[in-house]
Amino acid sequence: MRAALYLNASPRPASSLGHRLAGELLVALRQGHPRLGVLERDLAATPLPPLGADYAEALTRRTPAEAPVFALSERLIGELEASDLLLVNAPLHNFTLPAALKLWLDYVLRIGRTFQSTAEGKRGLLADRPVYLLVGSGGHHRGSRARQPDFLTSYLRHALGTLGLFDLHFCYLEGLVGDPAEVADTLATAREHLSREVPFRHLVNSSIILPE
């Protein structure tokens, strides 16, 4: 493995347990691959500009990829293409993914560049690679304790699949505003599960200090 791309979509990275867990995963990756290059893109701290009319018009006219209107899109796609692994911290916001991550997807999902439209449907043009998604939520959206729907998982499966990315690994961090002991157990379980994944085999089963 030569390169990894980390996307943070939490607007509160300093207090995001998913962001801190992602930091541990990046340390484990570097231990297994000392020459690994890691690009960290914080979609919340450095938000992408909204897509405008010029961009939409360029898409409908099948404008060449080298056109200035696609400069940022090309940069983001290039970062993704250069990565051998994608790590995403994506809190569940109002039942779905954060707006910052949705905007990133809007930039990298580009007809004729990262996917084709065929008679059978959309077909991704990017090479597949492992994608690890840390999904944090204050409440529960799976199992018997679920009190809210989850539209994030199905959306990301379709959106990333449209790019050609199917090797998806979801790690759910639920109930993060609940009892501190339960939160600690959730994080320990997630860490133990992730340590069994080949890229993170050097992950140390230490404790994340919870905010007071």
C-alpha atoms as a PDB file:
ATOM      1  CA  MET A   1       0.000   0.000   0.000  1.00  0.00           C
ATOM      2  CA  ARG A   2       1.388   3.383  -1.024  1.00  0.00           C
ATOM      3  CA  ALA A   3      -1.276   5.987  -0.261  1.00  0.00           C
ATOM      4  CA  ALA A   4      -4.431   6.492   1.820  1.00  0.00           C
ATOM      5  CA  LEU A   5      -7.043   9.237   1.726  1.00  0.00           C
ATOM      6  CA  TYR A   6      -8.818  10.278   4.925  1.00  0.00           C
ATOM      7  CA  LEU A   7     -12.010  12.334   4.745  1.00  0.00           C
ATOM      8  CA  ASN A   8     -13.372  13.919   7.895  1.00  0.00           C
ATOM      9  CA  ALA A   9     -16.996  15.055   7.633  1.00  0.00           C
ATOM     10  CA  SER A  10     -17.558  15.846  11.308  1.00  0.00           C
ATOM     11  CA  PRO A  11     -18.051  19.567  12.010  1.00  0.00           C
ATOM     12  CA  ARG A  12     -16.578  19.016  15.489  1.00  0.00           C
ATOM     13  CA  PRO A  13     -13.361  17.052  14.917  1.00  0.00           C
ATOM     14  CA  ALA A  14     -11.924  18.008  18.320  1.00  0.00           C
ATOM     15  CA  SER A  15     -14.759  16.194  20.106  1.00  0.00           C
ATOM     16  CA  SER A  16     -15.591  13.598  17.438  1.00  0.00           C
ATOM     17  CA  LEU A  17     -14.891  10.101  18.718  1.00  0.00           C
ATOM     18  CA  GLY A  18     -15.009   8.855  15.143  1.00  0.00           C
ATOM     19  CA  HIS A  19     -12.293  11.340  14.188  1.00  0.00           C
ATOM     20  CA  ARG A  20     -10.124  10.243  17.104  1.00  0.00           C
ATOM     21  CA  LEU A  21     -10.634   6.589  16.223  1.00  0.00           C
ATOM     22  CA  ALA A  22      -9.699   7.414  12.626  1.00  0.00           C
ATOM     23  CA  GLY A  23      -6.467   8.901  13.962  1.00  0.00           C
ATOM     24  CA  GLU A  24      -5.681   5.596  15.667  1.00  0.00           C
ATOM     25  CA  LEU A  25      -6.388   3.750  12.426  1.00  0.00           C
ATOM     26  CA  LEU A  26      -4.016   6.010  10.507  1.00  0.00           C
ATOM     27  CA  VAL A  27      -1.280   5.326  13.073  1.00  0.00           C
ATOM     28  CA  ALA A  28      -1.857   1.583  12.626  1.00  0.00           C
ATOM     29  CA  LEU A  29      -1.715   1.973   8.855  1.00  0.00           C
ATOM     30  CA  ARG A  30       1.602   3.818   9.044  1.00  0.00           C
ATOM     31  CA  GLN A  31       3.047   1.145  11.332  1.00  0.00           C
ATOM     32  CA  GLY A  32       2.207  -1.514   8.768  1.00  0.00           C
ATOM     33  CA  HIS A  33       3.337   0.648   5.861  1.00  0.00           C
ATOM     34  CA  PRO A  34       6.147   2.971   6.984  1.00  0.00           C
ATOM     35  CA  ARG A  35       6.359   4.682   3.600  1.00  0.00           C
ATOM     36  CA  LEU A  36       2.618   5.242   3.364  1.00  0.00           C
ATOM     37  CA  GLY A  37       1.521   8.643   2.170  1.00  0.00           C
ATOM     38  CA  VAL A  38      -1.638   9.896   3.885  1.00  0.00           C
ATOM     39  CA  LEU A  39      -3.696  12.778   2.554  1.00  0.00           C
ATOM     40  CA  GLU A  40      -6.139  14.149   5.132  1.00  0.00           C
ATOM     41  CA  ARG A  41      -8.962  16.291   3.790  1.00  0.00           C
ATOM     42  CA  ASP A  42     -11.158  17.914   6.425  1.00  0.00           C
ATOM     43  CA  LEU A  43     -14.410  18.613   4.608  1.00  0.00           C
ATOM     44  CA  ALA A  44     -15.836  20.488   7.603  1.00  0.00           C
ATOM     45  CA  ALA A  45     -12.906  22.680   8.630  1.00  0.00           C
ATOM     46  CA  THR A  46     -12.110  23.534   5.001  1.00  0.00           C
ATOM     47  CA  PRO A  47     -15.494  23.266   3.253  1.00  0.00           C
ATOM     48  CA  LEU A  48     -15.745  22.875  -0.482  1.00  0.00           C
ATOM     49  CA  PRO A  49     -17.462  25.681  -2.390  1.00  0.00           C
ATOM     50  CA  PRO A  50     -21.041  24.950  -3.475  1.00  0.00           C
ATOM     51  CA  LEU A  51     -21.620  23.833  -7.037  1.00  0.00           C
ATOM     52  CA  GLY A  52     -22.899  26.620  -9.223  1.00  0.00           C
ATOM     53  CA  ALA A  53     -24.696  27.141 -12.500  1.00  0.00           C
ATOM     54  CA  ASP A  54     -21.451  27.092 -14.518  1.00  0.00           C
ATOM     55  CA  TYR A  55     -20.579  23.634 -13.202  1.00  0.00           C
ATOM     56  CA  ALA A  56     -24.063  22.285 -13.900  1.00  0.00           C
ATOM     57  CA  GLU A  57     -23.991  23.737 -17.402  1.00  0.00           C
ATOM     58  CA  ALA A  58     -20.586  22.192 -18.066  1.00  0.00           C
ATOM     59  CA  LEU A  59     -21.912  18.760 -17.085  1.00  0.00           C
ATOM     60  CA  THR A  60     -24.840  18.970 -19.475  1.00  0.00           C
ATOM     61  CA  ARG A  61     -22.564  20.042 -22.343  1.00  0.00           C
ATOM     62  CA  ARG A  62     -20.015  17.258 -21.684  1.00  0.00           C
ATOM     63  CA  THR A  63     -17.281  19.860 -21.288  1.00  0.00           C
ATOM     64  CA  PRO A  64     -13.676  18.511 -21.544  1.00  0.00           C
ATOM     65  CA  ALA A  65     -12.123  17.422 -18.238  1.00  0.00           C
ATOM     66  CA  GLU A  66      -9.323  19.987 -18.541  1.00  0.00           C
ATOM     67  CA  ALA A  67     -11.764  22.936 -18.557  1.00  0.00           C
ATOM     68  CA  PRO A  68     -11.187  25.369 -15.637  1.00  0.00           C
ATOM     69  CA  VAL A  69     -14.707  24.778 -14.318  1.00  0.00           C
ATOM     70  CA  PHE A  70     -13.672  21.211 -13.424  1.00  0.00           C
ATOM     71  CA  ALA A  71     -10.376  22.131 -11.736  1.00  0.00           C
ATOM     72  CA  LEU A  72     -11.510  21.356  -8.182  1.00  0.00           C
ATOM     73  CA  SER A  73     -13.430  18.279  -9.268  1.00  0.00           C
ATOM     74  CA  GLU A  74     -10.321  16.968 -11.021  1.00  0.00           C
ATOM     75  CA  ARG A  75      -8.196  17.594  -7.942  1.00  0.00           C
ATOM     76  CA  LEU A  76     -10.601  15.678  -5.699  1.00  0.00           C
ATOM     77  CA  ILE A  77     -10.942  12.828  -8.181  1.00  0.00           C
ATOM     78  CA  GLY A  78      -7.164  12.702  -8.505  1.00  0.00           C
ATOM     79  CA  GLU A  79      -6.790  12.400  -4.725  1.00  0.00           C
ATOM     80  CA  LEU A  80      -9.201   9.495  -4.754  1.00  0.00           C
ATOM     81  CA  GLU A  81      -7.567   7.812  -7.742  1.00  0.00           C
ATOM     82  CA  ALA A  82      -4.141   8.075  -6.095  1.00  0.00           C
ATOM     83  CA  SER A  83      -5.309   6.328  -2.905  1.00  0.00           C
ATOM     84  CA  ASP A  84      -5.112   2.608  -2.217  1.00  0.00           C
ATOM     85  CA  LEU A  85      -7.491   2.938   0.738  1.00  0.00           C
ATOM     86  CA  LEU A  86     -10.204   5.422   1.669  1.00  0.00           C
ATOM     87  CA  LEU A  87     -11.096   6.154   5.308  1.00  0.00           C
ATOM     88  CA  VAL A  88     -14.159   8.267   6.083  1.00  0.00           C
ATOM     89  CA  ASN A  89     -15.477   9.693   9.346  1.00  0.00           C
ATOM     90  CA  ALA A  90     -19.163  10.391   8.686  1.00  0.00           C
ATOM     91  CA  PRO A  91     -21.555  11.203  11.520  1.00  0.00           C
ATOM     92  CA  LEU A  92     -25.223  10.489  10.909  1.00  0.00           C
ATOM     93  CA  HIS A  93     -26.932  13.870  10.429  1.00  0.00           C
ATOM     94  CA  ASN A  94     -30.721  13.983  10.258  1.00  0.00           C
ATOM     95  CA  PHE A  95     -30.938  10.332   9.211  1.00  0.00           C
ATOM     96  CA  THR A  96     -28.331  10.634   6.441  1.00  0.00           C
ATOM     97  CA  LEU A  97     -24.812  11.799   5.579  1.00  0.00           C
ATOM     98  CA  PRO A  98     -23.423  15.256   6.437  1.00  0.00           C
ATOM     99  CA  ALA A  99     -23.803  17.956   3.799  1.00  0.00           C
ATOM    100  CA  ALA A 100     -20.011  18.318   3.585  1.00  0.00           C
ATOM    101  CA  LEU A 101     -19.619  14.681   2.497  1.00  0.00           C
ATOM    102  CA  LYS A 102     -22.542  14.926   0.072  1.00  0.00           C
ATOM    103  CA  LEU A 103     -20.846  17.900  -1.593  1.00  0.00           C
ATOM    104  CA  TRP A 104     -17.588  15.946  -1.946  1.00  0.00           C
ATOM    105  CA  LEU A 105     -19.529  13.165  -3.642  1.00  0.00           C
ATOM    106  CA  ASP A 106     -21.167  15.683  -5.976  1.00  0.00           C
ATOM    107  CA  TYR A 107     -17.700  16.786  -7.080  1.00  0.00           C
ATOM    108  CA  VAL A 108     -16.302  13.279  -7.639  1.00  0.00           C
ATOM    109  CA  LEU A 109     -19.438  11.685  -9.151  1.00  0.00           C
ATOM    110  CA  ARG A 110     -19.076  12.997 -12.698  1.00  0.00           C
ATOM    111  CA  ILE A 111     -20.585  11.442 -15.790  1.00  0.00           C
ATOM    112  CA  GLY A 112     -18.016  10.510 -18.400  1.00  0.00           C
ATOM    113  CA  ARG A 113     -15.185  10.888 -15.876  1.00  0.00           C
ATOM    114  CA  THR A 114     -15.880   8.612 -12.909  1.00  0.00           C
ATOM    115  CA  PHE A 115     -18.946   6.763 -14.210  1.00  0.00           C
ATOM    116  CA  GLN A 116     -20.710   5.995 -17.458  1.00  0.00           C
ATOM    117  CA  SER A 117     -24.426   5.846 -18.140  1.00  0.00           C
ATOM    118  CA  THR A 118     -25.269   2.618 -19.969  1.00  0.00           C
ATOM    119  CA  ALA A 119     -28.445   0.815 -21.005  1.00  0.00           C
ATOM    120  CA  GLU A 120     -28.044  -1.312 -17.863  1.00  0.00           C
ATOM    121  CA  GLY A 121     -27.523   1.691 -15.590  1.00  0.00           C
ATOM    122  CA  LYS A 122     -24.564   3.643 -14.274  1.00  0.00           C
ATOM    123  CA  ARG A 123     -21.168   1.917 -14.328  1.00  0.00           C
ATOM    124  CA  GLY A 124     -18.209   3.091 -12.282  1.00  0.00           C
ATOM    125  CA  LEU A 125     -14.916   3.914 -13.985  1.00  0.00           C
ATOM    126  CA  LEU A 126     -12.641   3.896 -10.927  1.00  0.00           C
ATOM    127  CA  ALA A 127     -10.672   0.896  -9.718  1.00  0.00           C
ATOM    128  CA  ASP A 128     -12.084  -0.679  -6.586  1.00  0.00           C
ATOM    129  CA  ARG A 129     -10.229  -0.301  -3.276  1.00  0.00           C
ATOM    130  CA  PRO A 130     -11.045  -0.795   0.425  1.00  0.00           C
ATOM    131  CA  VAL A 131     -13.276   1.911   1.888  1.00  0.00           C
ATOM    132  CA  TYR A 132     -13.680   2.104   5.670  1.00  0.00           C
ATOM    133  CA  LEU A 133     -16.528   4.258   6.975  1.00  0.00           C
ATOM    134  CA  LEU A 134     -16.847   5.221  10.632  1.00  0.00           C
ATOM    135  CA  VAL A 135     -20.499   6.153  11.178  1.00  0.00           C
ATOM    136  CA  GLY A 136     -21.148   7.963  14.444  1.00  0.00           C
ATOM    137  CA  SER A 137     -24.576   8.731  15.909  1.00  0.00           C
ATOM    138  CA  GLY A 138     -25.860  10.026  19.215  1.00  0.00           C
ATOM    139  CA  GLY A 139     -28.728   7.523  19.225  1.00  0.00           C
ATOM    140  CA  HIS A 140     -29.350   4.078  17.770  1.00  0.00           C
ATOM    141  CA  HIS A 141     -30.483   3.226  14.246  1.00  0.00           C
ATOM    142  CA  ARG A 142     -29.942  -0.543  14.168  1.00  0.00           C
ATOM    143  CA  GLY A 143     -31.308  -3.475  16.138  1.00  0.00           C
ATOM    144  CA  SER A 144     -33.881  -3.477  18.916  1.00  0.00           C
ATOM    145  CA  ARG A 145     -32.768  -0.091  20.268  1.00  0.00           C
ATOM    146  CA  ALA A 146     -33.255   1.698  16.955  1.00  0.00           C
ATOM    147  CA  ARG A 147     -35.220   4.922  17.281  1.00  0.00           C
ATOM    148  CA  GLN A 148     -34.398   6.519  13.938  1.00  0.00           C
ATOM    149  CA  PRO A 149     -33.953   5.461  10.313  1.00  0.00           C
ATOM    150  CA  ASP A 150     -30.599   5.231   8.554  1.00  0.00           C
ATOM    151  CA  PHE A 151     -30.515   6.505   4.971  1.00  0.00           C
ATOM    152  CA  LEU A 152     -26.739   7.027   5.079  1.00  0.00           C
ATOM    153  CA  THR A 153     -25.743   3.399   4.556  1.00  0.00           C
ATOM    154  CA  SER A 154     -27.889   2.689   1.504  1.00  0.00           C
ATOM    155  CA  TYR A 155     -27.039   6.043  -0.077  1.00  0.00           C
ATOM    156  CA  LEU A 156     -23.295   5.575   0.323  1.00  0.00           C
ATOM    157  CA  ARG A 157     -23.467   2.028  -1.033  1.00  0.00           C
ATOM    158  CA  HIS A 158     -25.159   3.325  -4.192  1.00  0.00           C
ATOM    159  CA  ALA A 159     -23.061   6.486  -4.553  1.00  0.00           C
ATOM    160  CA  LEU A 160     -19.698   4.807  -3.981  1.00  0.00           C
ATOM    161  CA  GLY A 161     -20.778   1.833  -6.087  1.00  0.00           C
ATOM    162  CA  THR A 162     -21.501   4.238  -8.926  1.00  0.00           C
ATOM    163  CA  LEU A 163     -17.835   5.225  -8.782  1.00  0.00           C
ATOM    164  CA  GLY A 164     -16.804   1.564  -8.888  1.00  0.00           C
ATOM    165  CA  LEU A 165     -16.103   1.241  -5.154  1.00  0.00           C
ATOM    166  CA  PHE A 166     -17.723  -1.871  -3.710  1.00  0.00           C
ATOM    167  CA  ASP A 167     -15.247  -3.036  -1.042  1.00  0.00           C
ATOM    168  CA  LEU A 168     -17.057  -1.128   1.709  1.00  0.00           C
ATOM    169  CA  HIS A 169     -16.589  -1.698   5.441  1.00  0.00           C
ATOM    170  CA  PHE A 170     -19.029   0.111   7.754  1.00  0.00           C
ATOM    171  CA  CYS A 171     -18.188   0.533  11.430  1.00  0.00           C
ATOM    172  CA  TYR A 172     -21.101   1.940  13.454  1.00  0.00           C
ATOM    173  CA  LEU A 173     -20.502   3.976  16.604  1.00  0.00           C
ATOM    174  CA  GLU A 174     -23.996   4.315  18.071  1.00  0.00           C
ATOM    175  CA  GLY A 175     -25.312   5.823  21.281  1.00  0.00           C
ATOM    176  CA  LEU A 176     -22.425   8.277  21.619  1.00  0.00           C
ATOM    177  CA  VAL A 177     -24.440  10.655  23.817  1.00  0.00           C
ATOM    178  CA  GLY A 178     -25.464   7.865  26.167  1.00  0.00           C
ATOM    179  CA  ASP A 179     -23.923   6.389  29.292  1.00  0.00           C
ATOM    180  CA  PRO A 180     -20.105   6.890  29.260  1.00  0.00           C
ATOM    181  CA  ALA A 181     -19.502   3.250  30.164  1.00  0.00           C
ATOM    182  CA  GLU A 182     -21.603   2.098  27.202  1.00  0.00           C
ATOM    183  CA  VAL A 183     -19.816   4.537  24.918  1.00  0.00           C
ATOM    184  CA  ALA A 184     -16.468   3.152  26.087  1.00  0.00           C
ATOM    185  CA  ASP A 185     -17.707  -0.384  25.373  1.00  0.00           C
ATOM    186  CA  THR A 186     -18.874   0.682  21.904  1.00  0.00           C
ATOM    187  CA  LEU A 187     -15.467   2.124  21.099  1.00  0.00           C
ATOM    188  CA  ALA A 188     -13.627  -0.897  22.465  1.00  0.00           C
ATOM    189  CA  THR A 189     -15.810  -3.214  20.376  1.00  0.00           C
ATOM    190  CA  ALA A 190     -15.220  -1.113  17.260  1.00  0.00           C
ATOM    191  CA  ARG A 191     -11.485  -1.059  17.861  1.00  0.00           C
ATOM    192  CA  GLU A 192     -11.358  -4.821  18.387  1.00  0.00           C
ATOM    193  CA  HIS A 193     -13.372  -5.400  15.209  1.00  0.00           C
ATOM    194  CA  LEU A 194     -11.191  -3.079  13.135  1.00  0.00           C
ATOM    195  CA  SER A 195      -7.984  -4.649  14.459  1.00  0.00           C
ATOM    196  CA  ARG A 196      -9.042  -7.857  12.682  1.00  0.00           C
ATOM    197  CA  GLU A 197      -8.997  -6.030   9.337  1.00  0.00           C
ATOM    198  CA  VAL A 198      -5.701  -6.568   7.527  1.00  0.00           C
ATOM    199  CA  PRO A 199      -4.870  -2.856   7.004  1.00  0.00           C
ATOM    200  CA  PHE A 200      -5.277  -2.130  10.733  1.00  0.00           C
ATOM    201  CA  ARG A 201      -3.664  -5.226  12.216  1.00  0.00           C
ATOM    202  CA  HIS A 202      -1.277  -2.988  14.189  1.00  0.00           C
ATOM    203  CA  LEU A 203      -4.150  -1.200  15.911  1.00  0.00           C
ATOM    204  CA  VAL A 204      -3.501  -1.060  19.660  1.00  0.00           C
ATOM    205  CA  ASN A 205      -6.486  -1.817  21.874  1.00  0.00           C
ATOM    206  CA  SER A 206      -6.052   1.284  24.007  1.00  0.00           C
ATOM    207  CA  SER A 207      -8.779   3.534  25.375  1.00  0.00           C
ATOM    208  CA  ILE A 208     -10.044   6.763  23.853  1.00  0.00           C
ATOM    209  CA  ILE A 209     -10.512   9.295  26.623  1.00  0.00           C
ATOM    210  CA  LEU A 210     -14.128  10.387  26.629  1.00  0.00           C
ATOM    211  CA  PRO A 211     -14.990  14.073  26.949  1.00  0.00           C
ATOM    212  CA  GLU A 212     -16.262  15.151  30.353  1.00  0.00           C
END
